Each structure stands twice: as structure tokens, then as C-alpha cells.
Amino acid sequence: MRLEGDAATAAALAAFALVAALPWWLGDRRPAPPELRAPYEFVVTSAADAGPGSLREALLDADRAPGRARVVLAVPRVTLEDPLPALVNPEGVVLDGGDAGCEIDARRAGDALVVAAPDSVVRGVTIRGAAGAAVSVLADRARLAEVAIEGCGEGVRTAPGVRGLTIEDSRFSGNGVGVRLAAAGPGTAIRRNRFERHDDAAVWAVAARSAAAEAAGGLEVRGNRFVEDRVSLVLADVPATVEDNELVGAFEVAVYLIGRGAIVRGNRIRGAVKVGVYGARPIDALVAGNELDRNPVAILISGAEGTVVRGNRLHANVDGIAAVFDGAGGDNLLAGNLLVGQRHDALLVIGASPLVRGNRALFNQGAGLRLLDAEAAPAAPRLENNVLAGNGVEGPLREAFRAAVEEDAP
């Protein structure tokens, strides 16, 4: 009986060891996800810039393949002497660094990689040191996933009219610009990435006004984290939805809006050195449901037209919402915002007349609502159902703009 029990125990332990080993054993045998599959596969086995087994040779082979091709990087590092061949296979190319990842040293290459084949995928690679763009995207429906781009002039650069670009689960660090979009074609998405310490901007999306209508609904920026960039997001005439992001410690402005059609909703914006959200003549913009704290000015809107600032939660900033109007715009709305504990004013309206409705300014050290008459546009907002309580000055407090500036000057 004892021997039978020992045998049963040994069998059970052996079975457990086999089951425990299965994830490792299956790791190299599981089929690749559908977007990474291709009938033609080329494996990089050399870290050299060129020659047999090199990345350069594999990309040339992939471009010549009669169907979709996959290039698998089976080396930990590749050092480039020149830019790589562009991905041009019309069926698409998959550049796969694998689960272990591969570093591409592009310090001598200028631009590193050009994606000119539609439906291409770049996954699991780190690109460092490209003086130009780490990845230039010239074709539709490209996807970058689990990549890292560090110390490059630009991380990702797109050509005008590119549609369906997806960048997700990636990291951008210490570049001049993280992602530069020439407009943003329909289906462009930047999701769940981390951006940090960019010299100019983490995401720079600027379109000519003539292209803005064509890009309607074009850009989604969702679930990203931005840390200590000069400017986290620049959106100029690019219809975009910026939602559920965290933006921390921008050295100038966290979100900069100019022109038509931006939606900034449900973000956490804190610790900008100058302004959290700055709208410079925004048109039909929506800034709603955001939490902003520890910014010198949480939200600054200037010369807006048809813009709504609604349902935001502001606390522990120097100034809360500052709205500057020159009389040219119309139908602007500041509504339902909660402003608690600003070190100066909660609501500051300079110049002509938005509708200020249903805001709650509580326990701010300055004025709950300060109105400043500009020389050409007296402040005459329509005030409805605002609650001002526990502030240093309840307001509405009315002053001349010039006098207020001179009083605050050092």
C-alpha cells in the first residue's frame, strides 16, 4: 500500500511539473496573432547593418515577397549605418521584435524606418537615437504596438492623408516630438502609451484648415500617460477626442487647442508649469469632465467661438478658469464647473460675454467670480445660478482690466 501511495504521489508531481511547464513549452509553438501572421517569413540572425541574416537583407526579401511577409528579429540588438529599406510590399510587412524585443541603434542612420506598405505592423522593437524620424508612416492602416522610441528627433511622423494609424501600448521618451501627425485621417488612434520628457511636444497634430473637414472624427487620444513634456498635446484644426489621459508636469501647457473641433474630456491634468488647458481661438471645442489641480492656470480660453467648458473639477490651482473674449465670438458656455480651493480666483472673465451658468466656486482665496472690463469689450457675461461661497471675495467683483494688471505687476 505504501508503494502504491508513493507511486501515486510521484505521478501526481510529475503531472504537475508537466502542466507547469506547458506555458513555457507552448510559448514558441502558439500561432502568432492574426495581424502578425504572413505566408512568408524571414528571420534576422545577424546584428550587422548589412549582409546575410541582417535586418536590411530581411526587409529587402520581405519587399520582394509575392504576398504579405513577416520579418522576425531573433537578435537582441541591431546597429544601423544607414536608413533601412522602406517597407513597400503592397500586401504589408510585419516587423516583429518578438516577446523579448530588439533594440535598433539608429544614431548613424538619420531616419530609421519608412512604412510605405498599407496594413503593416511594427511590434516589439526599441529604436534609439535617430536624428530624424524613427518611423515615418506613408501608408494607411499601419499599426505600432509595444514599441519604444527614445532620443530621436521625431518618434513617429506621418504624411498628409494617412488613414487608420494605430499606436498603442508603447513608450516615447526624450524625443524632440513623440508623434507628429500631418492632420489625422479617419481612424487614427493613440492609445495606452507613455510619453515623457519631449523637448517640443509629445503629440503634435496640426492640419491646414482646408484639411480639417476631411479629417472629421480623425484622431483619438485615449488612456495615455504624459509626464514632463514641454507641451503634452498640440491640436490645431484637427478634430480629435482626447479622453481618459493623465497629463503630469508639462513644462508649458498640457493641452494646447487652436481652431476647430477638439473634445477634451475626462482627463486628469496636474502640475503644468504654466497652463493646464489653453484654447487659443478654439471653435466648437468641448472641455468637459476633466480634473485639474496644481496648475498656475487650470483652463485658459481666449477668443473662443461656440466653445463649451462644462463639468470640470478644479482644485488647488492658482487660478481656475480664465476666459478672455474680444467680442468676435459667440455662443460660449462656462457651465457646471466645480472650483474649490484655488489660491487666487476661481472664475475670471475678461471682455465680452459668455454664458456663465451653474458653476460652484467654493473656498477659493481670491474672488469667486472676477469680471475685468477690456478697453474695447466690457465684461458683461450672462450669469445664471452660480454658487459663490466661502471665497476671499464672493463676487461678482468688477474691475478694469488695465487697473488689475497694474495692481498685480511686481
Protein backbone atom coordinates (compact mmCIF):
# COMPACT_ATOMS: atom_id res chain seq x y z
CA MET A 1 0.00 0.00 0.00
CA ARG A 2 2.86 2.33 0.84
CA LEU A 3 4.50 1.72 -2.54
CA GLU A 4 1.22 2.36 -4.32
CA GLY A 5 0.81 5.65 -2.43
CA ASP A 6 4.35 6.74 -3.26
CA ALA A 7 3.81 5.88 -6.91
CA ALA A 8 0.58 7.88 -6.99
CA THR A 9 2.31 10.83 -5.36
CA ALA A 10 5.20 10.68 -7.82
CA ALA A 11 2.80 10.50 -10.74
CA ALA A 12 0.87 13.50 -9.44
CA LEU A 13 4.07 15.51 -9.00
CA ALA A 14 5.22 14.59 -12.49
CA ALA A 15 1.86 15.63 -13.92
CA PHE A 16 2.02 18.94 -12.01
CA ALA A 17 5.53 19.61 -13.34
CA LEU A 18 4.33 18.92 -16.87
CA VAL A 19 1.37 21.26 -16.52
CA ALA A 20 3.60 23.98 -15.01
CA ALA A 21 5.97 23.68 -17.95
CA LEU A 22 3.25 23.87 -20.58
CA PRO A 23 3.08 27.71 -20.83
CA TRP A 24 6.83 27.82 -21.48
CA TRP A 25 6.73 24.87 -23.87
CA LEU A 26 3.80 26.31 -25.77
CA GLY A 27 5.23 29.83 -25.88
CA ASP A 28 7.26 29.23 -29.02
CA ARG A 29 4.61 26.98 -30.54
CA ARG A 30 1.49 29.11 -30.28
CA PRO A 31 0.46 30.66 -33.59
CA ALA A 32 1.11 34.36 -33.92
CA PRO A 33 -1.92 36.68 -33.55
CA PRO A 34 -3.75 37.15 -36.86
CA GLU A 35 -2.34 40.64 -37.52
CA LEU A 36 1.22 39.25 -37.20
CA ARG A 37 0.75 36.26 -39.48
CA ALA A 38 2.09 36.12 -43.02
CA PRO A 39 2.72 33.36 -45.54
CA TYR A 40 6.33 34.48 -45.98
CA GLU A 41 8.71 34.78 -43.04
CA PHE A 42 12.29 35.99 -42.82
CA VAL A 43 14.41 35.71 -39.67
CA VAL A 44 17.10 38.20 -38.66
CA THR A 45 20.08 36.36 -37.17
CA SER A 46 22.82 38.99 -37.51
CA ALA A 47 23.29 42.24 -35.61
CA ALA A 48 25.24 43.75 -38.51
CA ASP A 49 23.93 46.59 -40.64
CA ALA A 50 24.05 44.53 -43.84
CA GLY A 51 24.89 41.10 -45.18
CA PRO A 52 23.46 37.59 -44.70
CA GLY A 53 20.95 37.36 -41.87
CA SER A 54 20.81 41.14 -41.37
CA LEU A 55 17.68 43.19 -40.87
CA ARG A 56 18.43 45.10 -44.07
CA GLU A 57 18.54 41.89 -46.11
CA ALA A 58 15.38 40.55 -44.46
CA LEU A 59 13.43 43.72 -45.27
CA LEU A 60 14.55 43.61 -48.90
CA ASP A 61 13.43 39.98 -49.08
CA ALA A 62 10.10 40.90 -47.49
CA ASP A 63 9.56 43.68 -50.01
CA ARG A 64 10.16 41.23 -52.87
CA ALA A 65 7.87 38.52 -51.48
CA PRO A 66 4.77 37.76 -53.58
CA GLY A 67 2.48 38.17 -50.56
CA ARG A 68 2.35 39.54 -47.02
CA ALA A 69 5.66 38.99 -45.25
CA ARG A 70 6.87 38.81 -41.67
CA VAL A 71 10.36 39.73 -40.51
CA VAL A 72 11.27 38.24 -37.13
CA LEU A 73 14.14 39.75 -35.17
CA ALA A 74 15.92 36.88 -33.43
CA VAL A 75 18.79 39.05 -32.15
CA PRO A 76 18.72 41.44 -29.19
CA ARG A 77 20.31 44.38 -31.00
CA VAL A 78 20.91 45.76 -34.49
CA THR A 79 23.22 48.70 -35.24
CA LEU A 80 22.43 50.71 -38.37
CA GLU A 81 24.91 52.58 -40.52
CA ASP A 82 22.24 53.92 -42.93
CA PRO A 83 18.41 54.16 -43.04
CA LEU A 84 16.65 50.83 -43.52
CA PRO A 85 14.89 49.93 -46.77
CA ALA A 86 11.31 51.20 -46.82
CA LEU A 87 8.52 48.68 -46.27
CA VAL A 88 6.85 48.66 -49.70
CA ASN A 89 5.30 45.21 -50.13
CA PRO A 90 1.72 46.06 -51.25
CA GLU A 91 0.34 43.21 -49.09
CA GLY A 92 2.02 44.63 -45.98
CA VAL A 93 5.07 43.81 -43.88
CA VAL A 94 5.19 42.75 -40.23
CA LEU A 95 8.36 43.74 -38.38
CA ASP A 96 8.27 41.68 -35.19
CA GLY A 97 10.79 42.07 -32.39
CA GLY A 98 9.23 39.16 -30.53
CA ASP A 99 8.35 38.98 -26.86
CA ALA A 100 11.97 39.60 -25.83
CA GLY A 101 12.20 42.71 -28.02
CA CYS A 102 15.04 44.00 -30.14
CA GLU A 103 16.91 47.32 -29.93
CA ILE A 104 17.71 49.18 -33.15
CA ASP A 105 20.56 51.65 -32.71
CA ALA A 106 19.85 54.36 -35.29
CA ARG A 107 22.34 57.02 -34.19
CA ARG A 108 24.16 56.89 -37.54
CA ALA A 109 21.09 56.41 -39.71
CA GLY A 110 19.27 59.77 -39.80
CA ASP A 111 15.76 58.47 -40.40
CA ALA A 112 15.45 54.83 -39.37
CA LEU A 113 12.36 53.16 -40.87
CA VAL A 114 9.79 54.14 -43.53
CA VAL A 115 6.44 52.34 -43.63
CA ALA A 116 5.11 52.73 -47.18
CA ALA A 117 3.13 49.47 -47.32
CA PRO A 118 -0.51 49.52 -46.15
CA ASP A 119 -1.58 47.29 -43.25
CA SER A 120 1.98 46.99 -41.96
CA VAL A 121 2.78 46.24 -38.31
CA VAL A 122 5.81 47.21 -36.22
CA ARG A 123 5.90 45.40 -32.89
CA GLY A 124 8.31 44.78 -30.05
CA VAL A 125 11.24 46.93 -31.15
CA THR A 126 13.13 49.76 -29.47
CA ILE A 127 14.55 52.47 -31.75
CA ARG A 128 17.12 54.81 -30.26
CA GLY A 129 18.97 57.88 -31.42
CA ALA A 130 17.64 58.59 -34.93
CA ALA A 131 18.43 62.21 -35.77
CA GLY A 132 15.32 62.38 -37.97
CA ALA A 133 12.23 60.19 -37.58
CA ALA A 134 12.41 56.76 -36.00
CA VAL A 135 9.34 55.68 -38.03
CA SER A 136 7.87 57.58 -41.00
CA VAL A 137 4.38 56.38 -41.96
CA LEU A 138 3.33 56.96 -45.57
CA ALA A 139 0.62 54.30 -45.95
CA ASP A 140 -2.81 53.62 -44.47
CA ARG A 141 -3.70 51.34 -41.56
CA ALA A 142 -0.23 50.98 -40.09
CA ARG A 143 0.00 49.71 -36.53
CA LEU A 144 2.75 50.22 -33.96
CA ALA A 145 2.45 48.18 -30.78
CA GLU A 146 4.76 47.57 -27.84
CA VAL A 147 7.49 49.72 -29.32
CA ALA A 148 9.85 52.09 -27.54
CA ILE A 149 11.30 55.17 -29.22
CA GLU A 150 13.96 57.11 -27.34
CA GLY A 151 16.21 60.06 -28.05
CA CYS A 152 15.11 60.64 -31.65
CA GLY A 153 14.34 63.87 -33.48
CA GLU A 154 10.81 62.56 -34.01
CA GLY A 155 9.33 59.31 -32.84
CA VAL A 156 6.61 58.77 -35.45
CA ARG A 157 5.97 61.09 -38.39
CA THR A 158 3.02 60.74 -40.77
CA ALA A 159 2.45 62.05 -44.27
CA PRO A 160 -0.71 64.10 -45.01
CA GLY A 161 -3.75 61.99 -45.72
CA VAL A 162 -2.60 58.82 -43.95
CA ARG A 163 -5.62 56.99 -42.51
CA GLY A 164 -6.12 54.39 -39.83
CA LEU A 165 -2.80 54.69 -37.99
CA THR A 166 -2.82 52.98 -34.58
CA ILE A 167 -0.13 53.49 -31.94
CA GLU A 168 -0.72 51.56 -28.74
CA ASP A 169 0.96 50.11 -25.64
CA SER A 170 4.23 51.87 -26.48
CA ARG A 171 6.71 54.24 -24.85
CA PHE A 172 8.15 57.50 -26.18
CA SER A 173 10.91 59.17 -24.21
CA GLY A 174 13.27 62.10 -24.68
CA ASN A 175 12.48 62.81 -28.32
CA GLY A 176 12.03 66.23 -29.93
CA VAL A 177 8.44 65.30 -30.85
CA GLY A 178 6.92 61.99 -29.89
CA VAL A 179 4.25 61.69 -32.61
CA ARG A 180 3.91 64.28 -35.38
CA LEU A 181 0.68 64.00 -37.37
CA ALA A 182 0.13 65.94 -40.58
CA ALA A 183 -3.60 66.24 -39.97
CA ALA A 184 -5.06 62.96 -38.74
CA GLY A 185 -7.00 60.79 -41.13
CA PRO A 186 -10.12 58.90 -40.00
CA GLY A 187 -9.35 56.04 -37.65
CA THR A 188 -6.12 57.45 -36.24
CA ALA A 189 -5.72 56.27 -32.64
CA ILE A 190 -3.07 56.80 -29.94
CA ARG A 191 -3.93 54.52 -27.01
CA ARG A 192 -2.37 53.38 -23.74
CA ASN A 193 1.09 54.81 -24.41
CA ARG A 194 3.53 56.58 -22.13
CA PHE A 195 5.13 59.84 -23.24
CA GLU A 196 7.82 61.56 -21.22
CA ARG A 197 10.31 64.45 -21.45
CA HIS A 198 9.75 65.63 -25.03
CA ASP A 199 11.59 68.81 -26.00
CA ASP A 200 8.80 70.25 -28.16
CA ALA A 201 5.64 68.17 -27.81
CA ALA A 202 4.62 64.61 -27.07
CA VAL A 203 1.85 64.66 -29.72
CA TRP A 204 1.83 67.37 -32.41
CA ALA A 205 -1.24 67.26 -34.68
CA VAL A 206 -1.52 70.27 -36.97
CA ALA A 207 -3.61 70.47 -40.14
CA ALA A 208 -4.26 73.12 -42.74
CA ARG A 209 -7.78 74.47 -42.34
CA SER A 210 -8.68 73.05 -45.75
CA ALA A 211 -7.88 69.56 -44.46
CA ALA A 212 -9.80 69.85 -41.20
CA ALA A 213 -13.18 68.85 -42.63
CA GLU A 214 -11.68 65.83 -44.38
CA ALA A 215 -10.25 64.64 -41.05
CA ALA A 216 -13.58 64.79 -39.21
CA GLY A 217 -13.53 62.36 -36.31
CA GLY A 218 -9.96 61.63 -37.25
CA LEU A 219 -7.93 61.39 -34.05
CA GLU A 220 -8.48 59.50 -30.81
CA VAL A 221 -6.06 60.04 -27.92
CA ARG A 222 -7.14 57.76 -25.10
CA GLY A 223 -5.70 56.19 -21.98
CA ASN A 224 -2.17 57.60 -22.33
CA ARG A 225 0.17 58.98 -19.68
CA PHE A 226 2.17 62.15 -20.39
CA VAL A 227 4.95 63.14 -17.99
CA GLU A 228 7.11 66.28 -18.04
CA ASP A 229 6.88 67.13 -21.72
CA ARG A 230 7.27 70.74 -22.83
CA VAL A 231 3.75 70.52 -24.27
CA SER A 232 1.86 67.26 -23.98
CA LEU A 233 -0.68 67.76 -26.80
CA VAL A 234 -0.86 70.30 -29.63
CA LEU A 235 -4.12 70.14 -31.63
CA ALA A 236 -4.52 72.72 -34.40
CA ASP A 237 -7.55 72.36 -36.67
CA VAL A 238 -7.54 68.61 -36.07
CA PRO A 239 -10.88 67.20 -34.92
CA ALA A 240 -9.86 64.99 -32.04
CA THR A 241 -11.18 63.26 -28.94
CA VAL A 242 -8.76 63.41 -26.01
CA GLU A 243 -10.16 61.23 -23.26
CA ASP A 244 -9.10 59.38 -20.11
CA ASN A 245 -5.47 60.50 -20.23
CA GLU A 246 -3.19 61.56 -17.38
CA LEU A 247 -1.02 64.61 -18.06
CA VAL A 248 1.55 65.46 -15.42
CA GLY A 249 4.11 68.25 -15.09
CA ALA A 250 4.08 69.80 -18.57
CA PHE A 251 6.76 72.50 -18.66
CA GLU A 252 4.49 74.89 -20.54
CA VAL A 253 0.99 73.67 -21.46
CA ALA A 254 -0.57 70.25 -21.05
CA VAL A 255 -3.20 70.62 -23.83
CA TYR A 256 -2.97 73.37 -26.45
CA LEU A 257 -6.01 73.83 -28.71
CA ILE A 258 -6.37 76.12 -31.69
CA GLY A 259 -9.03 76.04 -34.35
CA ARG A 260 -11.93 73.70 -34.83
CA GLY A 261 -13.38 70.62 -33.30
CA ALA A 262 -11.42 69.31 -30.29
CA ILE A 263 -13.05 67.37 -27.45
CA VAL A 264 -11.04 67.19 -24.23
CA ARG A 265 -12.97 65.05 -21.79
CA GLY A 266 -12.39 63.04 -18.64
CA ASN A 267 -8.64 63.66 -18.29
CA ARG A 268 -6.50 64.26 -15.19
CA ILE A 269 -4.26 67.28 -15.71
CA ARG A 270 -1.92 68.34 -12.94
CA GLY A 271 1.24 70.22 -12.22
CA ALA A 272 1.72 72.09 -15.50
CA VAL A 273 4.26 74.88 -15.14
CA LYS A 274 2.02 77.42 -16.96
CA VAL A 275 -1.44 76.27 -18.13
CA GLY A 276 -3.39 73.03 -17.97
CA VAL A 277 -5.69 73.52 -20.99
CA TYR A 278 -5.11 76.51 -23.25
CA GLY A 279 -7.61 77.21 -26.02
CA ALA A 280 -6.33 79.91 -28.41
CA ARG A 281 -9.33 80.86 -30.56
CA PRO A 282 -10.90 77.42 -30.35
CA ILE A 283 -14.01 76.85 -32.47
CA ASP A 284 -16.76 74.44 -31.38
CA ALA A 285 -14.46 72.89 -28.79
CA LEU A 286 -15.61 70.96 -25.72
CA VAL A 287 -13.61 70.83 -22.47
CA ALA A 288 -15.67 68.68 -20.12
CA GLY A 289 -15.41 66.43 -17.10
CA ASN A 290 -11.69 66.91 -16.54
CA GLU A 291 -9.92 67.09 -13.18
CA LEU A 292 -7.25 69.80 -12.96
CA ASP A 293 -5.06 70.56 -9.98
CA ARG A 294 -1.79 72.32 -9.11
CA ASN A 295 -1.63 74.36 -12.31
CA PRO A 296 -0.94 78.14 -12.33
CA VAL A 297 -3.99 78.49 -14.61
CA ALA A 298 -6.12 75.40 -14.94
CA ILE A 299 -8.12 76.39 -18.05
CA LEU A 300 -7.45 79.45 -20.21
CA ILE A 301 -9.79 80.16 -23.13
CA SER A 302 -9.07 83.11 -25.42
CA GLY A 303 -11.13 84.38 -28.37
CA ALA A 304 -13.34 81.30 -28.46
CA GLU A 305 -16.33 80.69 -30.67
CA GLY A 306 -19.01 78.11 -29.86
CA THR A 307 -16.84 76.59 -27.13
CA VAL A 308 -18.18 74.81 -24.03
CA VAL A 309 -16.28 74.41 -20.74
CA ARG A 310 -18.52 72.18 -18.65
CA GLY A 311 -18.48 69.91 -15.64
CA ASN A 312 -14.78 70.18 -14.85
CA ARG A 313 -13.41 69.72 -11.33
CA LEU A 314 -10.69 72.19 -10.36
CA HIS A 315 -8.84 72.28 -7.06
CA ALA A 316 -5.60 73.69 -5.65
CA ASN A 317 -4.67 75.67 -8.76
CA VAL A 318 -3.51 79.30 -8.62
CA ASP A 319 -6.34 80.47 -10.90
CA GLY A 320 -9.20 78.28 -12.03
CA ILE A 321 -10.92 79.20 -15.31
CA ALA A 322 -9.85 82.35 -17.16
CA ALA A 323 -11.90 83.32 -20.21
CA VAL A 324 -10.79 86.18 -22.47
CA PHE A 325 -13.27 87.40 -25.12
CA ASP A 326 -12.80 90.15 -27.68
CA GLY A 327 -16.40 90.37 -28.81
CA ALA A 328 -15.87 88.47 -32.08
CA GLY A 329 -17.03 85.05 -30.90
CA GLY A 330 -20.38 83.80 -29.74
CA ASP A 331 -22.32 81.03 -28.00
CA ASN A 332 -19.60 80.22 -25.48
CA LEU A 333 -20.63 78.48 -22.29
CA LEU A 334 -18.97 78.02 -18.88
CA ALA A 335 -21.33 75.70 -17.01
CA GLY A 336 -21.48 73.26 -14.14
CA ASN A 337 -17.83 73.51 -13.15
CA LEU A 338 -16.70 72.91 -9.56
CA LEU A 339 -13.86 75.17 -8.39
CA VAL A 340 -12.57 74.56 -4.87
CA GLY A 341 -9.53 75.93 -3.07
CA GLN A 342 -7.76 77.92 -5.79
CA ARG A 343 -5.01 80.12 -4.36
CA HIS A 344 -6.35 83.12 -6.30
CA ASP A 345 -9.54 83.48 -8.38
CA ALA A 346 -11.96 80.73 -9.28
CA LEU A 347 -13.60 82.28 -12.36
CA LEU A 348 -12.08 85.18 -14.26
CA VAL A 349 -13.90 86.69 -17.25
CA ILE A 350 -12.14 89.35 -19.32
CA GLY A 351 -14.01 91.16 -22.06
CA ALA A 352 -17.25 90.22 -23.78
CA SER A 353 -19.99 87.88 -22.82
CA PRO A 354 -20.16 84.12 -22.40
CA LEU A 355 -22.98 82.43 -20.54
CA VAL A 356 -21.74 81.53 -17.05
CA ARG A 357 -24.25 79.10 -15.55
CA GLY A 358 -24.48 76.69 -12.67
CA ASN A 359 -20.85 76.84 -11.55
CA ARG A 360 -19.85 76.31 -7.91
CA ALA A 361 -16.89 78.37 -6.66
CA LEU A 362 -16.19 77.40 -3.04
CA PHE A 363 -13.46 78.38 -0.58
CA ASN A 364 -11.10 79.96 -3.09
CA GLN A 365 -8.67 82.50 -1.67
CA GLY A 366 -9.37 85.20 -4.28
CA ALA A 367 -12.65 86.08 -5.94
CA GLY A 368 -15.30 83.51 -6.67
CA LEU A 369 -16.01 85.44 -9.89
CA ARG A 370 -13.92 88.35 -11.12
CA LEU A 371 -15.05 90.43 -14.14
CA LEU A 372 -12.48 92.57 -15.94
CA ASP A 373 -13.54 95.18 -18.47
CA ALA A 374 -11.26 95.20 -21.51
CA GLU A 375 -10.86 98.53 -23.28
CA ALA A 376 -12.89 97.52 -26.33
CA ALA A 377 -15.11 94.86 -24.73
CA PRO A 378 -16.68 95.42 -21.31
CA ALA A 379 -17.22 92.24 -19.34
CA ALA A 380 -20.94 91.55 -19.36
CA PRO A 381 -21.40 87.79 -19.06
CA ARG A 382 -24.85 86.35 -18.55
CA LEU A 383 -24.82 84.93 -15.04
CA GLU A 384 -27.27 82.18 -14.08
CA ASN A 385 -27.49 80.10 -10.92
CA ASN A 386 -23.84 80.21 -9.92
CA VAL A 387 -22.94 79.45 -6.28
CA LEU A 388 -20.14 81.55 -4.78
CA ALA A 389 -19.42 80.71 -1.14
CA GLY A 390 -16.53 80.88 1.29
CA ASN A 391 -14.23 82.74 -1.10
CA GLY A 392 -11.87 85.59 -0.23
CA VAL A 393 -14.20 87.83 -2.22
CA GLU A 394 -17.52 86.36 -3.21
CA GLY A 395 -18.06 88.49 -6.31
CA PRO A 396 -19.02 89.11 -8.89
CA LEU A 397 -16.13 91.55 -8.45
CA ARG A 398 -15.84 94.06 -11.30
CA GLU A 399 -12.62 95.89 -12.24
CA ALA A 400 -10.95 97.50 -15.22
CA PHE A 401 -8.51 95.12 -16.90
CA ARG A 402 -5.66 97.68 -17.02
CA ALA A 403 -6.03 98.57 -13.34
CA ALA A 404 -5.98 94.92 -12.34
CA VAL A 405 -2.84 94.25 -14.37
CA GLU A 406 -1.04 97.27 -12.89
CA GLU A 407 -2.05 96.23 -9.39
CA ASP A 408 -0.67 92.73 -9.87
CA ALA A 409 2.57 93.90 -11.55
CA PRO A 410 5.76 93.48 -9.49
